[in-house]
Amino acid sequence: MPSKQQQADSEIHEYQLLNFLVNRLDEEVSLGLANVSMTRWCLNQ
């Protein structure tokens, strides 16, 4: 059975990984929306 310290470290690592993935997803969505906006702008010119 893991110690409380190992469990806490594991939970921190899981949180950091989740935070990283959410940030990456947010970046990808933002880039995607920027590309859609630019495409629409170009098509309207």
PDB file of N, CA and C in Angstrom:
ATOM      1  N   MET A   1       0.855  -1.191   0.000  1.00  0.00           N
ATOM      2  CA  MET A   1       0.000   0.000   0.000  1.00  0.00           C
ATOM      3  C   MET A   1       0.896   1.249   0.000  1.00  0.00           C
ATOM      4  N   PRO A   2       0.608   2.201  -0.910  1.00  0.00           N
ATOM      5  CA  PRO A   2       1.465   3.387  -0.996  1.00  0.00           C
ATOM      6  C   PRO A   2       1.340   4.253   0.255  1.00  0.00           C
ATOM      7  N   SER A   3       2.420   4.937   0.564  1.00  0.00           N
ATOM      8  CA  SER A   3       2.398   5.861   1.699  1.00  0.00           C
ATOM      9  C   SER A   3       1.567   7.081   1.336  1.00  0.00           C
ATOM     10  N   LYS A   4       1.240   7.867   2.361  1.00  0.00           N
ATOM     11  CA  LYS A   4       0.462   9.093   2.116  1.00  0.00           C
ATOM     12  C   LYS A   4       1.248  10.047   1.225  1.00  0.00           C
ATOM     13  N   GLN A   5       2.577  10.088   1.395  1.00  0.00           N
ATOM     14  CA  GLN A   5       3.411  10.968   0.574  1.00  0.00           C
ATOM     15  C   GLN A   5       3.381  10.519  -0.887  1.00  0.00           C
ATOM     16  N   GLN A   6       3.483   9.208  -1.122  1.00  0.00           N
ATOM     17  CA  GLN A   6       3.439   8.687  -2.488  1.00  0.00           C
ATOM     18  C   GLN A   6       2.082   8.967  -3.121  1.00  0.00           C
ATOM     19  N   GLN A   7       1.027   8.815  -2.333  1.00  0.00           N
ATOM     20  CA  GLN A   7      -0.321   9.086  -2.845  1.00  0.00           C
ATOM     21  C   GLN A   7      -0.473  10.564  -3.189  1.00  0.00           C
ATOM     22  N   ALA A   8       0.031  11.431  -2.324  1.00  0.00           N
ATOM     23  CA  ALA A   8      -0.046  12.870  -2.586  1.00  0.00           C
ATOM     24  C   ALA A   8       0.755  13.233  -3.828  1.00  0.00           C
ATOM     25  N   ASP A   9       1.947  12.659  -3.961  1.00  0.00           N
ATOM     26  CA  ASP A   9       2.766  12.916  -5.145  1.00  0.00           C
ATOM     27  C   ASP A   9       2.063  12.450  -6.409  1.00  0.00           C
ATOM     28  N   SER A  10       1.421  11.302  -6.327  1.00  0.00           N
ATOM     29  CA  SER A  10       0.699  10.757  -7.477  1.00  0.00           C
ATOM     30  C   SER A  10      -0.468  11.662  -7.861  1.00  0.00           C
ATOM     31  N   GLU A  11      -1.187  12.155  -6.858  1.00  0.00           N
ATOM     32  CA  GLU A  11      -2.318  13.041  -7.136  1.00  0.00           C
ATOM     33  C   GLU A  11      -1.847  14.363  -7.745  1.00  0.00           C
ATOM     34  N   ILE A  12      -0.723  14.881  -7.254  1.00  0.00           N
ATOM     35  CA  ILE A  12      -0.167  16.112  -7.823  1.00  0.00           C
ATOM     36  C   ILE A  12       0.236  15.869  -9.274  1.00  0.00           C
ATOM     37  N   HIS A  13       0.876  14.730  -9.537  1.00  0.00           N
ATOM     38  CA  HIS A  13       1.292  14.411 -10.902  1.00  0.00           C
ATOM     39  C   HIS A  13       0.076  14.291 -11.820  1.00  0.00           C
ATOM     40  N   GLU A  14      -0.978  13.634 -11.350  1.00  0.00           N
ATOM     41  CA  GLU A  14      -2.200  13.496 -12.145  1.00  0.00           C
ATOM     42  C   GLU A  14      -2.816  14.864 -12.426  1.00  0.00           C
ATOM     43  N   TYR A  15      -2.826  15.742 -11.427  1.00  0.00           N
ATOM     44  CA  TYR A  15      -3.369  17.086 -11.601  1.00  0.00           C
ATOM     45  C   TYR A  15      -2.549  17.864 -12.626  1.00  0.00           C
ATOM     46  N   GLN A  16      -1.217  17.754 -12.527  1.00  0.00           N
ATOM     47  CA  GLN A  16      -0.353  18.479 -13.462  1.00  0.00           C
ATOM     48  C   GLN A  16      -0.557  17.967 -14.881  1.00  0.00           C
ATOM     49  N   LEU A  17      -0.702  16.662 -15.049  1.00  0.00           N
ATOM     50  CA  LEU A  17      -0.934  16.091 -16.370  1.00  0.00           C
ATOM     51  C   LEU A  17      -2.273  16.557 -16.926  1.00  0.00           C
ATOM     52  N   LEU A  18      -3.312  16.521 -16.103  1.00  0.00           N
ATOM     53  CA  LEU A  18      -4.626  16.975 -16.541  1.00  0.00           C
ATOM     54  C   LEU A  18      -4.587  18.448 -16.918  1.00  0.00           C
ATOM     55  N   ASN A  19      -3.919  19.248 -16.105  1.00  0.00           N
ATOM     56  CA  ASN A  19      -3.795  20.677 -16.375  1.00  0.00           C
ATOM     57  C   ASN A  19      -3.072  20.916 -17.700  1.00  0.00           C
ATOM     58  N   PHE A  20      -2.002  20.160 -17.938  1.00  0.00           N
ATOM     59  CA  PHE A  20      -1.263  20.272 -19.197  1.00  0.00           C
ATOM     60  C   PHE A  20      -2.163  19.935 -20.382  1.00  0.00           C
ATOM     61  N   LEU A  21      -2.913  18.848 -20.269  1.00  0.00           N
ATOM     62  CA  LEU A  21      -3.779  18.427 -21.373  1.00  0.00           C
ATOM     63  C   LEU A  21      -4.884  19.441 -21.635  1.00  0.00           C
ATOM     64  N   VAL A  22      -5.469  19.987 -20.576  1.00  0.00           N
ATOM     65  CA  VAL A  22      -6.517  20.997 -20.746  1.00  0.00           C
ATOM     66  C   VAL A  22      -5.945  22.243 -21.413  1.00  0.00           C
ATOM     67  N   ASN A  23      -4.751  22.654 -20.991  1.00  0.00           N
ATOM     68  CA  ASN A  23      -4.122  23.824 -21.606  1.00  0.00           C
ATOM     69  C   ASN A  23      -3.832  23.586 -23.083  1.00  0.00           C
ATOM     70  N   ARG A  24      -3.350  22.392 -23.421  1.00  0.00           N
ATOM     71  CA  ARG A  24      -3.077  22.076 -24.829  1.00  0.00           C
ATOM     72  C   ARG A  24      -4.365  22.088 -25.644  1.00  0.00           C
ATOM     73  N   LEU A  25      -5.408  21.520 -25.098  1.00  0.00           N
ATOM     74  CA  LEU A  25      -6.689  21.494 -25.794  1.00  0.00           C
ATOM     75  C   LEU A  25      -7.196  22.910 -26.007  1.00  0.00           C
ATOM     76  N   ASP A  26      -7.050  23.750 -24.987  1.00  0.00           N
ATOM     77  CA  ASP A  26      -7.473  25.143 -25.097  1.00  0.00           C
ATOM     78  C   ASP A  26      -6.687  25.855 -26.196  1.00  0.00           C
ATOM     79  N   GLU A  27      -5.382  25.592 -26.275  1.00  0.00           N
ATOM     80  CA  GLU A  27      -4.561  26.199 -27.324  1.00  0.00           C
ATOM     81  C   GLU A  27      -5.013  25.735 -28.702  1.00  0.00           C
ATOM     82  N   GLU A  28      -5.275  24.436 -28.834  1.00  0.00           N
ATOM     83  CA  GLU A  28      -5.699  23.893 -30.124  1.00  0.00           C
ATOM     84  C   GLU A  28      -7.037  24.490 -30.547  1.00  0.00           C
ATOM     85  N   VAL A  29      -7.967  24.613 -29.619  1.00  0.00           N
ATOM     86  CA  VAL A  29      -9.275  25.200 -29.935  1.00  0.00           C
ATOM     87  C   VAL A  29      -9.105  26.657 -30.350  1.00  0.00           C
ATOM     88  N   SER A  30      -8.272  27.391 -29.620  1.00  0.00           N
ATOM     89  CA  SER A  30      -8.039  28.797 -29.962  1.00  0.00           C
ATOM     90  C   SER A  30      -7.425  28.930 -31.347  1.00  0.00           C
ATOM     91  N   LEU A  31      -6.454  28.083 -31.654  1.00  0.00           N
ATOM     92  CA  LEU A  31      -5.831  28.120 -32.977  1.00  0.00           C
ATOM     93  C   LEU A  31      -6.838  27.754 -34.060  1.00  0.00           C
ATOM     94  N   GLY A  32      -7.657  26.763 -33.772  1.00  0.00           N
ATOM     95  CA  GLY A  32      -8.671  26.352 -34.732  1.00  0.00           C
ATOM     96  C   GLY A  32      -9.666  27.467 -35.005  1.00  0.00           C
ATOM     97  N   LEU A  33     -10.094  28.145 -33.948  1.00  0.00           N
ATOM     98  CA  LEU A  33     -11.037  29.249 -34.127  1.00  0.00           C
ATOM     99  C   LEU A  33     -10.390  30.401 -34.882  1.00  0.00           C
ATOM    100  N   ALA A  34      -9.119  30.654 -34.620  1.00  0.00           N
ATOM    101  CA  ALA A  34      -8.417  31.718 -35.342  1.00  0.00           C
ATOM    102  C   ALA A  34      -8.323  31.362 -36.827  1.00  0.00           C
ATOM    103  N   ASN A  35      -8.062  30.099 -37.124  1.00  0.00           N
ATOM    104  CA  ASN A  35      -7.983  29.671 -38.522  1.00  0.00           C
ATOM    105  C   ASN A  35      -9.330  29.801 -39.220  1.00  0.00           C
ATOM    106  N   VAL A  36     -10.396  29.443 -38.532  1.00  0.00           N
ATOM    107  CA  VAL A  36     -11.735  29.574 -39.112  1.00  0.00           C
ATOM    108  C   VAL A  36     -12.042  31.046 -39.371  1.00  0.00           C
ATOM    109  N   SER A  37     -11.712  31.901 -38.406  1.00  0.00           N
ATOM    110  CA  SER A  37     -11.970  33.343 -38.582  1.00  0.00           C
ATOM    111  C   SER A  37     -11.184  33.897 -39.756  1.00  0.00           C
ATOM    112  N   MET A  38      -9.926  33.502 -39.877  1.00  0.00           N
ATOM    113  CA  MET A  38      -9.082  33.996 -40.970  1.00  0.00           C
ATOM    114  C   MET A  38      -9.616  33.487 -42.310  1.00  0.00           C
ATOM    115  N   THR A  39     -10.027  32.234 -42.359  1.00  0.00           N
ATOM    116  CA  THR A  39     -10.570  31.670 -43.590  1.00  0.00           C
ATOM    117  C   THR A  39     -11.828  32.424 -44.012  1.00  0.00           C
ATOM    118  N   ARG A  40     -12.711  32.674 -43.053  1.00  0.00           N
ATOM    119  CA  ARG A  40     -13.941  33.403 -43.359  1.00  0.00           C
ATOM    120  C   ARG A  40     -13.617  34.815 -43.850  1.00  0.00           C
ATOM    121  N   TRP A  41     -12.655  35.456 -43.203  1.00  0.00           N
ATOM    122  CA  TRP A  41     -12.255  36.808 -43.603  1.00  0.00           C
ATOM    123  C   TRP A  41     -11.723  36.808 -45.043  1.00  0.00           C
ATOM    124  N   CYS A  42     -10.879  35.823 -45.347  1.00  0.00           N
ATOM    125  CA  CYS A  42     -10.299  35.742 -46.686  1.00  0.00           C
ATOM    126  C   CYS A  42     -11.377  35.477 -47.741  1.00  0.00           C
ATOM    127  N   LEU A  43     -12.348  34.644 -47.419  1.00  0.00           N
ATOM    128  CA  LEU A  43     -13.400  34.338 -48.367  1.00  0.00           C
ATOM    129  C   LEU A  43     -14.313  35.538 -48.620  1.00  0.00           C
ATOM    130  N   ASN A  44     -14.386  36.431 -47.666  1.00  0.00           N
ATOM    131  CA  ASN A  44     -15.253  37.604 -47.801  1.00  0.00           C
ATOM    132  C   ASN A  44     -14.549  38.778 -48.486  1.00  0.00           C
ATOM    133  N   GLN A  45     -13.293  38.628 -48.820  1.00  0.00           N
ATOM    134  CA  GLN A  45     -12.543  39.715 -49.464  1.00  0.00           C
ATOM    135  C   GLN A  45     -12.772  39.727 -50.955  1.00  0.00           C
TER     136      GLN A  45
END
